[in-house]
Amino acid sequence: MAFASDDLTPLLAPSPKDDVKLRAGVVVSWDSATASNEIDVDGVILTDVPVLSTTAPLIAPGDVVQLLVSGRSWLVLGRVMTPGTPTANSP
């Protein structure tokens, strides 16, 4: 699934028909310089999902990430990590 628009408005103000959901995915590939990505969500590979920019440098292949979904719009919120562990602040 490719994303051609930078318009995140549907995520901020979903229509009454749209449910906002939180999903988890596993990073298949991630370019830390460009945030170009592939994420596996239940066996479906999503390509170049928009990402909350502050999380991009810490994401790497194999990481579990949380995604916000509204209608057909997806947004990577960030990776799932356990606070206080050695890997919490490293890719």
Protein backbone atom coordinates (compact mmCIF):
# COMPACT_ATOMS: atom_id res chain seq x y z
CA MET A 1 0.00 0.00 0.00
CA ALA A 2 1.67 3.20 -1.14
CA PHE A 3 0.82 6.62 0.20
CA ALA A 4 0.92 9.52 -2.24
CA SER A 5 -0.48 12.25 -0.02
CA ASP A 6 0.97 14.12 2.92
CA ASP A 7 -2.55 15.06 4.03
CA LEU A 8 -3.00 13.67 7.56
CA THR A 9 -6.27 15.52 8.12
CA PRO A 10 -8.34 12.29 8.11
CA LEU A 11 -6.30 11.11 11.10
CA LEU A 12 -7.07 14.26 13.05
CA ALA A 13 -10.74 14.66 12.18
CA PRO A 14 -12.20 11.33 11.06
CA SER A 15 -15.67 11.28 9.59
CA PRO A 16 -18.39 9.76 11.79
CA LYS A 17 -18.19 6.55 9.73
CA ASP A 18 -14.46 6.11 10.35
CA ASP A 19 -13.26 4.22 13.39
CA VAL A 20 -9.87 5.14 14.80
CA LYS A 21 -7.89 2.01 15.62
CA LEU A 22 -4.50 1.15 17.03
CA ARG A 23 -2.67 -1.69 15.28
CA ALA A 24 0.72 -3.32 15.72
CA GLY A 25 3.11 -4.22 12.94
CA VAL A 26 6.61 -5.62 12.51
CA VAL A 27 9.15 -3.58 10.56
CA VAL A 28 10.43 -5.53 7.55
CA SER A 29 12.67 -2.75 6.22
CA TRP A 30 13.44 0.79 7.36
CA ASP A 31 15.70 3.48 5.91
CA SER A 32 16.69 5.70 8.85
CA ALA A 33 17.74 8.53 6.50
CA THR A 34 14.46 8.75 4.56
CA ALA A 35 11.99 6.78 6.75
CA SER A 36 11.09 4.73 3.67
CA ASN A 37 9.61 1.57 5.13
CA GLU A 38 7.88 -1.76 4.81
CA ILE A 39 5.74 -2.95 7.72
CA ASP A 40 4.06 -6.34 8.12
CA VAL A 41 0.57 -6.08 9.61
CA ASP A 42 -1.03 -9.51 9.93
CA GLY A 43 0.79 -10.81 6.85
CA VAL A 44 0.10 -7.75 4.67
CA ILE A 45 3.14 -5.63 3.79
CA LEU A 46 2.45 -1.89 3.92
CA THR A 47 4.93 0.29 2.01
CA ASP A 48 6.05 3.80 2.94
CA VAL A 49 3.54 4.40 5.70
CA PRO A 50 3.76 8.02 6.96
CA VAL A 51 5.57 8.26 10.28
CA LEU A 52 5.54 10.59 13.27
CA SER A 53 8.90 12.21 12.54
CA THR A 54 10.31 12.15 16.08
CA THR A 55 10.29 8.34 16.13
CA ALA A 56 12.00 7.63 12.79
CA PRO A 57 15.68 7.52 13.91
CA LEU A 58 15.07 4.79 16.51
CA ILE A 59 13.17 2.33 14.29
CA ALA A 60 14.92 -0.68 12.73
CA PRO A 61 13.94 -3.94 10.98
CA GLY A 62 12.42 -6.42 13.42
CA ASP A 63 10.97 -3.74 15.71
CA VAL A 64 7.31 -3.82 16.66
CA VAL A 65 5.61 -0.50 15.90
CA GLN A 66 2.21 0.92 16.76
CA LEU A 67 0.10 2.30 13.91
CA LEU A 68 -2.87 4.63 14.09
CA VAL A 69 -5.54 3.76 11.52
CA SER A 70 -8.48 5.88 10.45
CA GLY A 71 -10.43 4.74 7.42
CA ARG A 72 -7.79 4.14 4.74
CA SER A 73 -5.17 6.37 6.41
CA TRP A 74 -2.29 4.85 8.39
CA LEU A 75 0.38 6.53 10.56
CA VAL A 76 3.35 4.95 12.35
CA LEU A 77 3.29 6.31 15.91
CA GLY A 78 6.53 4.70 17.03
CA ARG A 79 8.22 1.53 18.15
CA VAL A 80 7.19 -0.50 21.15
CA MET A 81 9.92 -0.68 23.82
CA THR A 82 10.25 -1.41 27.51
CA PRO A 83 11.39 1.61 29.56
CA GLY A 84 14.51 1.13 31.63
CA THR A 85 16.02 -1.55 29.37
CA PRO A 86 19.36 -1.15 27.56
CA THR A 87 17.62 -1.07 24.18
CA ALA A 88 15.07 1.60 25.11
CA ASN A 89 17.06 4.46 23.54
CA SER A 90 18.88 2.62 20.79
CA PRO A 91 17.82 1.28 17.41
